[in-house]
mmCIF file of all heavy atoms, coordinates in Angstrom:
data_MODEL
# 
_entry.id   MODEL 
# 
loop_
_atom_site.group_PDB 
_atom_site.id 
_atom_site.type_symbol 
_atom_site.label_atom_id 
_atom_site.label_alt_id 
_atom_site.label_comp_id 
_atom_site.label_asym_id 
_atom_site.label_entity_id 
_atom_site.label_seq_id 
_atom_site.pdbx_PDB_ins_code 
_atom_site.Cartn_x 
_atom_site.Cartn_y 
_atom_site.Cartn_z 
_atom_site.occupancy 
_atom_site.B_iso_or_equiv 
_atom_site.pdbx_formal_charge 
_atom_site.auth_seq_id 
_atom_site.auth_comp_id 
_atom_site.auth_asym_id 
_atom_site.auth_atom_id 
_atom_site.pdbx_PDB_model_num 
ATOM 1   N N   . PRO A 1 1  ? 0.822   -1.204 -0.022 1.00 0.00 ? 1  PRO A N   1 
ATOM 2   C CA  . PRO A 1 1  ? -0.001  0.006  -0.010 1.00 0.00 ? 1  PRO A CA  1 
ATOM 3   C C   . PRO A 1 1  ? 0.861   1.249  0.012  1.00 0.00 ? 1  PRO A C   1 
ATOM 4   O O   . PRO A 1 1  ? 1.866   1.332  0.697  1.00 0.00 ? 1  PRO A O   1 
ATOM 5   C CB  . PRO A 1 1  ? -0.807  -0.124 1.309  1.00 0.00 ? 1  PRO A CB  1 
ATOM 6   C CG  . PRO A 1 1  ? -0.818  -1.597 1.602  1.00 0.00 ? 1  PRO A CG  1 
ATOM 7   C CD  . PRO A 1 1  ? 0.512   -2.121 1.117  1.00 0.00 ? 1  PRO A CD  1 
ATOM 8   N N   . ALA A 1 2  ? 0.455   2.230  -0.803 1.00 0.00 ? 2  ALA A N   1 
ATOM 9   C CA  . ALA A 1 2  ? 1.169   3.489  -0.873 1.00 0.00 ? 2  ALA A CA  1 
ATOM 10  C C   . ALA A 1 2  ? 1.038   4.233  0.448  1.00 0.00 ? 2  ALA A C   1 
ATOM 11  O O   . ALA A 1 2  ? -0.002  4.202  1.098  1.00 0.00 ? 2  ALA A O   1 
ATOM 12  C CB  . ALA A 1 2  ? 0.615   4.345  -1.988 1.00 0.00 ? 2  ALA A CB  1 
ATOM 13  N N   . PRO A 1 3  ? 2.085   4.908  0.888  1.00 0.00 ? 3  PRO A N   1 
ATOM 14  C CA  . PRO A 1 3  ? 2.008   5.747  2.081  1.00 0.00 ? 3  PRO A CA  1 
ATOM 15  C C   . PRO A 1 3  ? 0.978   6.843  1.881  1.00 0.00 ? 3  PRO A C   1 
ATOM 16  O O   . PRO A 1 3  ? 0.749   7.307  0.762  1.00 0.00 ? 3  PRO A O   1 
ATOM 17  C CB  . PRO A 1 3  ? 3.428   6.341  2.233  1.00 0.00 ? 3  PRO A CB  1 
ATOM 18  C CG  . PRO A 1 3  ? 4.312   5.451  1.440  1.00 0.00 ? 3  PRO A CG  1 
ATOM 19  C CD  . PRO A 1 3  ? 3.470   4.939  0.309  1.00 0.00 ? 3  PRO A CD  1 
ATOM 20  N N   . THR A 1 4  ? 0.397   7.338  2.961  1.00 0.00 ? 4  THR A N   1 
ATOM 21  C CA  . THR A 1 4  ? -0.489  8.476  2.886  1.00 0.00 ? 4  THR A CA  1 
ATOM 22  C C   . THR A 1 4  ? 0.314   9.662  2.411  1.00 0.00 ? 4  THR A C   1 
ATOM 23  O O   . THR A 1 4  ? 1.427   9.871  2.790  1.00 0.00 ? 4  THR A O   1 
ATOM 24  C CB  . THR A 1 4  ? -1.080  8.772  4.294  1.00 0.00 ? 4  THR A CB  1 
ATOM 25  O OG1 . THR A 1 4  ? -1.784  7.612  4.709  1.00 0.00 ? 4  THR A OG1 1 
ATOM 26  C CG2 . THR A 1 4  ? -2.061  9.952  4.214  1.00 0.00 ? 4  THR A CG2 1 
ATOM 27  N N   . VAL A 1 5  ? -0.299  10.471 1.539  1.00 0.00 ? 5  VAL A N   1 
ATOM 28  C CA  . VAL A 1 5  ? 0.419   11.584 0.944  1.00 0.00 ? 5  VAL A CA  1 
ATOM 29  C C   . VAL A 1 5  ? -0.344  12.893 1.163  1.00 0.00 ? 5  VAL A C   1 
ATOM 30  O O   . VAL A 1 5  ? -0.361  13.761 0.332  1.00 0.00 ? 5  VAL A O   1 
ATOM 31  C CB  . VAL A 1 5  ? 0.722   11.303 -0.535 1.00 0.00 ? 5  VAL A CB  1 
ATOM 32  C CG1 . VAL A 1 5  ? -0.540  11.353 -1.358 1.00 0.00 ? 5  VAL A CG1 1 
ATOM 33  C CG2 . VAL A 1 5  ? 1.775   12.244 -1.080 1.00 0.00 ? 5  VAL A CG2 1 
ATOM 34  N N   . ALA A 1 6  ? -0.971  13.041 2.337  1.00 0.00 ? 6  ALA A N   1 
ATOM 35  C CA  . ALA A 1 6  ? -1.749  14.275 2.636  1.00 0.00 ? 6  ALA A CA  1 
ATOM 36  C C   . ALA A 1 6  ? -0.754  15.422 2.825  1.00 0.00 ? 6  ALA A C   1 
ATOM 37  O O   . ALA A 1 6  ? 0.086   15.378 3.725  1.00 0.00 ? 6  ALA A O   1 
ATOM 38  C CB  . ALA A 1 6  ? -2.602  14.082 3.849  1.00 0.00 ? 6  ALA A CB  1 
ATOM 39  N N   . LEU A 1 7  ? -0.869  16.455 2.015  1.00 0.00 ? 7  LEU A N   1 
ATOM 40  C CA  . LEU A 1 7  ? 0.035   17.616 2.083  1.00 0.00 ? 7  LEU A CA  1 
ATOM 41  C C   . LEU A 1 7  ? -0.720  18.888 1.808  1.00 0.00 ? 7  LEU A C   1 
ATOM 42  O O   . LEU A 1 7  ? -1.685  18.879 1.038  1.00 0.00 ? 7  LEU A O   1 
ATOM 43  C CB  . LEU A 1 7  ? 1.171   17.444 1.065  1.00 0.00 ? 7  LEU A CB  1 
ATOM 44  C CG  . LEU A 1 7  ? 2.207   16.387 1.316  1.00 0.00 ? 7  LEU A CG  1 
ATOM 45  C CD1 . LEU A 1 7  ? 3.096   16.186 0.085  1.00 0.00 ? 7  LEU A CD1 1 
ATOM 46  C CD2 . LEU A 1 7  ? 3.081   16.734 2.523  1.00 0.00 ? 7  LEU A CD2 1 
ATOM 47  N N   . PRO A 1 8  ? -0.263  20.007 2.380  1.00 0.00 ? 8  PRO A N   1 
ATOM 48  C CA  . PRO A 1 8  ? -0.868  21.303 2.062  1.00 0.00 ? 8  PRO A CA  1 
ATOM 49  C C   . PRO A 1 8  ? -0.498  21.758 0.638  1.00 0.00 ? 8  PRO A C   1 
ATOM 50  O O   . PRO A 1 8  ? 0.443   21.237 0.073  1.00 0.00 ? 8  PRO A O   1 
ATOM 51  C CB  . PRO A 1 8  ? -0.266  22.227 3.108  1.00 0.00 ? 8  PRO A CB  1 
ATOM 52  C CG  . PRO A 1 8  ? 1.069   21.628 3.390  1.00 0.00 ? 8  PRO A CG  1 
ATOM 53  C CD  . PRO A 1 8  ? 0.896   20.140 3.296  1.00 0.00 ? 8  PRO A CD  1 
ATOM 54  N N   . PRO A 1 9  ? -1.248  22.704 0.140  1.00 0.00 ? 9  PRO A N   1 
ATOM 55  C CA  . PRO A 1 9  ? -0.868  23.255 -1.180 1.00 0.00 ? 9  PRO A CA  1 
ATOM 56  C C   . PRO A 1 9  ? 0.409   24.105 -1.082 1.00 0.00 ? 9  PRO A C   1 
ATOM 57  O O   . PRO A 1 9  ? 0.836   24.456 -0.010 1.00 0.00 ? 9  PRO A O   1 
ATOM 58  C CB  . PRO A 1 9  ? -2.054  24.131 -1.533 1.00 0.00 ? 9  PRO A CB  1 
ATOM 59  C CG  . PRO A 1 9  ? -2.660  24.529 -0.236 1.00 0.00 ? 9  PRO A CG  1 
ATOM 60  C CD  . PRO A 1 9  ? -2.409  23.365 0.702  1.00 0.00 ? 9  PRO A CD  1 
ATOM 61  N N   . ILE A 1 10 ? 0.967   24.378 -2.264 1.00 0.00 ? 10 ILE A N   1 
ATOM 62  C CA  . ILE A 1 10 ? 2.098   25.340 -2.326 1.00 0.00 ? 10 ILE A CA  1 
ATOM 63  C C   . ILE A 1 10 ? 1.564   26.683 -1.828 1.00 0.00 ? 10 ILE A C   1 
ATOM 64  O O   . ILE A 1 10 ? 0.532   27.165 -2.340 1.00 0.00 ? 10 ILE A O   1 
ATOM 65  C CB  . ILE A 1 10 ? 2.641   25.449 -3.759 1.00 0.00 ? 10 ILE A CB  1 
ATOM 66  C CG1 . ILE A 1 10 ? 3.218   24.102 -4.204 1.00 0.00 ? 10 ILE A CG1 1 
ATOM 67  C CG2 . ILE A 1 10 ? 3.685   26.555 -3.863 1.00 0.00 ? 10 ILE A CG2 1 
ATOM 68  C CD1 . ILE A 1 10 ? 3.536   24.003 -5.669 1.00 0.00 ? 10 ILE A CD1 1 
ATOM 69  N N   . PRO A 1 11 ? 2.198   27.297 -0.844 1.00 0.00 ? 11 PRO A N   1 
ATOM 70  C CA  . PRO A 1 11 ? 1.658   28.553 -0.302 1.00 0.00 ? 11 PRO A CA  1 
ATOM 71  C C   . PRO A 1 11 ? 1.528   29.617 -1.383 1.00 0.00 ? 11 PRO A C   1 
ATOM 72  O O   . PRO A 1 11 ? 2.364   29.802 -2.215 1.00 0.00 ? 11 PRO A O   1 
ATOM 73  C CB  . PRO A 1 11 ? 2.726   28.964 0.737  1.00 0.00 ? 11 PRO A CB  1 
ATOM 74  C CG  . PRO A 1 11 ? 3.357   27.681 1.156  1.00 0.00 ? 11 PRO A CG  1 
ATOM 75  C CD  . PRO A 1 11 ? 3.341   26.799 -0.090 1.00 0.00 ? 11 PRO A CD  1 
ATOM 76  N N   . ASN A 1 12 ? 0.342   30.281 -1.323 1.00 0.00 ? 12 ASN A N   1 
ATOM 77  C CA  . ASN A 1 12 ? 0.012   31.383 -2.222 1.00 0.00 ? 12 ASN A CA  1 
ATOM 78  C C   . ASN A 1 12 ? -0.022  30.998 -3.691 1.00 0.00 ? 12 ASN A C   1 
ATOM 79  O O   . ASN A 1 12 ? 0.123   31.842 -4.583 1.00 0.00 ? 12 ASN A O   1 
ATOM 80  C CB  . ASN A 1 12 ? 0.967   32.560 -2.050 1.00 0.00 ? 12 ASN A CB  1 
ATOM 81  C CG  . ASN A 1 12 ? 0.938   33.065 -0.645 1.00 0.00 ? 12 ASN A CG  1 
ATOM 82  O OD1 . ASN A 1 12 ? -0.126  33.230 -0.052 1.00 0.00 ? 12 ASN A OD1 1 
ATOM 83  N ND2 . ASN A 1 12 ? 2.108   33.311 -0.074 1.00 0.00 ? 12 ASN A ND2 1 
ATOM 84  N N   . ALA A 1 13 ? -0.194  29.700 -4.007 1.00 0.00 ? 13 ALA A N   1 
ATOM 85  C CA  . ALA A 1 13 ? -0.352  29.252 -5.367 1.00 0.00 ? 13 ALA A CA  1 
ATOM 86  C C   . ALA A 1 13 ? -1.647  29.835 -5.931 1.00 0.00 ? 13 ALA A C   1 
ATOM 87  O O   . ALA A 1 13 ? -2.654  29.965 -5.172 1.00 0.00 ? 13 ALA A O   1 
ATOM 88  C CB  . ALA A 1 13 ? -0.334  27.726 -5.449 1.00 0.00 ? 13 ALA A CB  1 
ATOM 89  N N   . PRO A 1 14 ? -1.714  30.122 -7.228 1.00 0.00 ? 14 PRO A N   1 
ATOM 90  C CA  . PRO A 1 14 ? -2.943  30.726 -7.794 1.00 0.00 ? 14 PRO A CA  1 
ATOM 91  C C   . PRO A 1 14 ? -4.169  29.819 -7.684 1.00 0.00 ? 14 PRO A C   1 
ATOM 92  O O   . PRO A 1 14 ? -5.267  30.312 -7.486 1.00 0.00 ? 14 PRO A O   1 
ATOM 93  C CB  . PRO A 1 14 ? -2.586  30.999 -9.241 1.00 0.00 ? 14 PRO A CB  1 
ATOM 94  C CG  . PRO A 1 14 ? -1.351  30.195 -9.489 1.00 0.00 ? 14 PRO A CG  1 
ATOM 95  C CD  . PRO A 1 14 ? -0.644  30.011 -8.207 1.00 0.00 ? 14 PRO A CD  1 
ATOM 96  N N   . SER A 1 15 ? -3.962  28.535 -7.782 1.00 0.00 ? 15 SER A N   1 
ATOM 97  C CA  . SER A 1 15 ? -5.123  27.610 -7.624 1.00 0.00 ? 15 SER A CA  1 
ATOM 98  C C   . SER A 1 15 ? -4.698  26.499 -6.670 1.00 0.00 ? 15 SER A C   1 
ATOM 99  O O   . SER A 1 15 ? -4.395  25.378 -7.060 1.00 0.00 ? 15 SER A O   1 
ATOM 100 C CB  . SER A 1 15 ? -5.564  27.039 -8.976 1.00 0.00 ? 15 SER A CB  1 
ATOM 101 O OG  . SER A 1 15 ? -4.474  26.392 -9.624 1.00 0.00 ? 15 SER A OG  1 
ATOM 102 N N   . PRO A 1 16 ? -4.659  26.795 -5.388 1.00 0.00 ? 16 PRO A N   1 
ATOM 103 C CA  . PRO A 1 16 ? -4.163  25.811 -4.420 1.00 0.00 ? 16 PRO A CA  1 
ATOM 104 C C   . PRO A 1 16 ? -5.089  24.626 -4.290 1.00 0.00 ? 16 PRO A C   1 
ATOM 105 O O   . PRO A 1 16 ? -6.322  24.778 -4.284 1.00 0.00 ? 16 PRO A O   1 
ATOM 106 C CB  . PRO A 1 16 ? -4.079  26.587 -3.100 1.00 0.00 ? 16 PRO A CB  1 
ATOM 107 C CG  . PRO A 1 16 ? -5.080  27.675 -3.256 1.00 0.00 ? 16 PRO A CG  1 
ATOM 108 C CD  . PRO A 1 16 ? -5.105  28.029 -4.727 1.00 0.00 ? 16 PRO A CD  1 
ATOM 109 N N   . THR A 1 17 ? -4.540  23.457 -4.248 1.00 0.00 ? 17 THR A N   1 
ATOM 110 C CA  . THR A 1 17 ? -5.357  22.267 -4.037 1.00 0.00 ? 17 THR A CA  1 
ATOM 111 C C   . THR A 1 17 ? -4.851  21.476 -2.850 1.00 0.00 ? 17 THR A C   1 
ATOM 112 O O   . THR A 1 17 ? -5.614  21.048 -2.012 1.00 0.00 ? 17 THR A O   1 
ATOM 113 C CB  . THR A 1 17 ? -5.356  21.353 -5.288 1.00 0.00 ? 17 THR A CB  1 
ATOM 114 O OG1 . THR A 1 17 ? -3.998  20.963 -5.562 1.00 0.00 ? 17 THR A OG1 1 
ATOM 115 C CG2 . THR A 1 17 ? -5.927  22.047 -6.480 1.00 0.00 ? 17 THR A CG2 1 
ATOM 116 N N   . GLY A 1 18 ? -3.544  21.262 -2.742 1.00 0.00 ? 18 GLY A N   1 
ATOM 117 C CA  . GLY A 1 18 ? -3.024  20.363 -1.739 1.00 0.00 ? 18 GLY A CA  1 
ATOM 118 C C   . GLY A 1 18 ? -3.422  18.926 -2.085 1.00 0.00 ? 18 GLY A C   1 
ATOM 119 O O   . GLY A 1 18 ? -4.061  18.675 -3.106 1.00 0.00 ? 18 GLY A O   1 
ATOM 120 N N   . ILE A 1 19 ? -3.006  17.991 -1.225 1.00 0.00 ? 19 ILE A N   1 
ATOM 121 C CA  . ILE A 1 19 ? -3.308  16.609 -1.475 1.00 0.00 ? 19 ILE A CA  1 
ATOM 122 C C   . ILE A 1 19 ? -4.022  16.064 -0.246 1.00 0.00 ? 19 ILE A C   1 
ATOM 123 O O   . ILE A 1 19 ? -3.520  16.161 0.884  1.00 0.00 ? 19 ILE A O   1 
ATOM 124 C CB  . ILE A 1 19 ? -2.016  15.778 -1.745 1.00 0.00 ? 19 ILE A CB  1 
ATOM 125 C CG1 . ILE A 1 19 ? -1.271  16.329 -2.919 1.00 0.00 ? 19 ILE A CG1 1 
ATOM 126 C CG2 . ILE A 1 19 ? -2.360  14.320 -1.960 1.00 0.00 ? 19 ILE A CG2 1 
ATOM 127 C CD1 . ILE A 1 19 ? 0.114   15.730 -3.148 1.00 0.00 ? 19 ILE A CD1 1 
ATOM 128 N N   . LYS A 1 20 ? -5.231  15.523 -0.443 1.00 0.00 ? 20 LYS A N   1 
ATOM 129 C CA  . LYS A 1 20 ? -6.001  14.973 0.634  1.00 0.00 ? 20 LYS A CA  1 
ATOM 130 C C   . LYS A 1 20 ? -5.568  13.529 0.947  1.00 0.00 ? 20 LYS A C   1 
ATOM 131 O O   . LYS A 1 20 ? -4.991  12.858 0.093  1.00 0.00 ? 20 LYS A O   1 
ATOM 132 C CB  . LYS A 1 20 ? -7.499  14.973 0.288  1.00 0.00 ? 20 LYS A CB  1 
ATOM 133 C CG  . LYS A 1 20 ? -8.019  16.417 0.100  1.00 0.00 ? 20 LYS A CG  1 
ATOM 134 C CD  . LYS A 1 20 ? -9.477  16.382 -0.263 1.00 0.00 ? 20 LYS A CD  1 
ATOM 135 C CE  . LYS A 1 20 ? -10.022 17.808 -0.462 1.00 0.00 ? 20 LYS A CE  1 
ATOM 136 N NZ  . LYS A 1 20 ? -11.422 17.834 -0.898 1.00 0.00 ? 20 LYS A NZ  1 
ATOM 137 N N   . ALA A 1 21 ? -5.841  13.082 2.146  1.00 0.00 ? 21 ALA A N   1 
ATOM 138 C CA  . ALA A 1 21 ? -5.411  11.763 2.598  1.00 0.00 ? 21 ALA A CA  1 
ATOM 139 C C   . ALA A 1 21 ? -5.986  10.660 1.709  1.00 0.00 ? 21 ALA A C   1 
ATOM 140 O O   . ALA A 1 21 ? -5.348  9.594  1.564  1.00 0.00 ? 21 ALA A O   1 
ATOM 141 C CB  . ALA A 1 21 ? -5.811  11.544 4.047  1.00 0.00 ? 21 ALA A CB  1 
ATOM 142 N N   . ASP A 1 22 ? -7.157  10.874 1.140  1.00 0.00 ? 22 ASP A N   1 
ATOM 143 C CA  . ASP A 1 22 ? -7.774  9.818  0.325  1.00 0.00 ? 22 ASP A CA  1 
ATOM 144 C C   . ASP A 1 22 ? -7.493  9.990  -1.193 1.00 0.00 ? 22 ASP A C   1 
ATOM 145 O O   . ASP A 1 22 ? -8.156  9.434  -2.037 1.00 0.00 ? 22 ASP A O   1 
ATOM 146 C CB  . ASP A 1 22 ? -9.286  9.770  0.568  1.00 0.00 ? 22 ASP A CB  1 
ATOM 147 C CG  . ASP A 1 22 ? -9.950  11.071 0.139  1.00 0.00 ? 22 ASP A CG  1 
ATOM 148 O OD1 . ASP A 1 22 ? -9.271  12.056 -0.168 1.00 0.00 ? 22 ASP A OD1 1 
ATOM 149 O OD2 . ASP A 1 22 ? -11.191 11.085 0.141  1.00 0.00 ? 22 ASP A OD2 1 
ATOM 150 N N   . ALA A 1 23 ? -6.485  10.788 -1.528 1.00 0.00 ? 23 ALA A N   1 
ATOM 151 C CA  . ALA A 1 23 ? -6.217  11.122 -2.944 1.00 0.00 ? 23 ALA A CA  1 
ATOM 152 C C   . ALA A 1 23 ? -5.898  9.901  -3.795 1.00 0.00 ? 23 ALA A C   1 
ATOM 153 O O   . ALA A 1 23 ? -6.066  9.947  -5.013 1.00 0.00 ? 23 ALA A O   1 
ATOM 154 C CB  . ALA A 1 23 ? -5.066  12.141 -3.003 1.00 0.00 ? 23 ALA A CB  1 
ATOM 155 N N   . LEU A 1 24 ? -5.408  8.822  -3.211 1.00 0.00 ? 24 LEU A N   1 
ATOM 156 C CA  . LEU A 1 24 ? -5.007  7.654  -3.984 1.00 0.00 ? 24 LEU A CA  1 
ATOM 157 C C   . LEU A 1 24 ? -6.093  6.587  -4.022 1.00 0.00 ? 24 LEU A C   1 
ATOM 158 O O   . LEU A 1 24 ? -5.883  5.509  -4.608 1.00 0.00 ? 24 LEU A O   1 
ATOM 159 C CB  . LEU A 1 24 ? -3.719  7.067  -3.419 1.00 0.00 ? 24 LEU A CB  1 
ATOM 160 C CG  . LEU A 1 24 ? -2.540  8.017  -3.297 1.00 0.00 ? 24 LEU A CG  1 
ATOM 161 C CD1 . LEU A 1 24 ? -1.349  7.308  -2.663 1.00 0.00 ? 24 LEU A CD1 1 
ATOM 162 C CD2 . LEU A 1 24 ? -2.166  8.613  -4.656 1.00 0.00 ? 24 LEU A CD2 1 
# 
């Protein structure tokens, strides 16, 4: 199983998304 990859978006990015824990 892939490790969890929950991460915040790049700060001040024009269209921030980040990565949610269930992204995979």
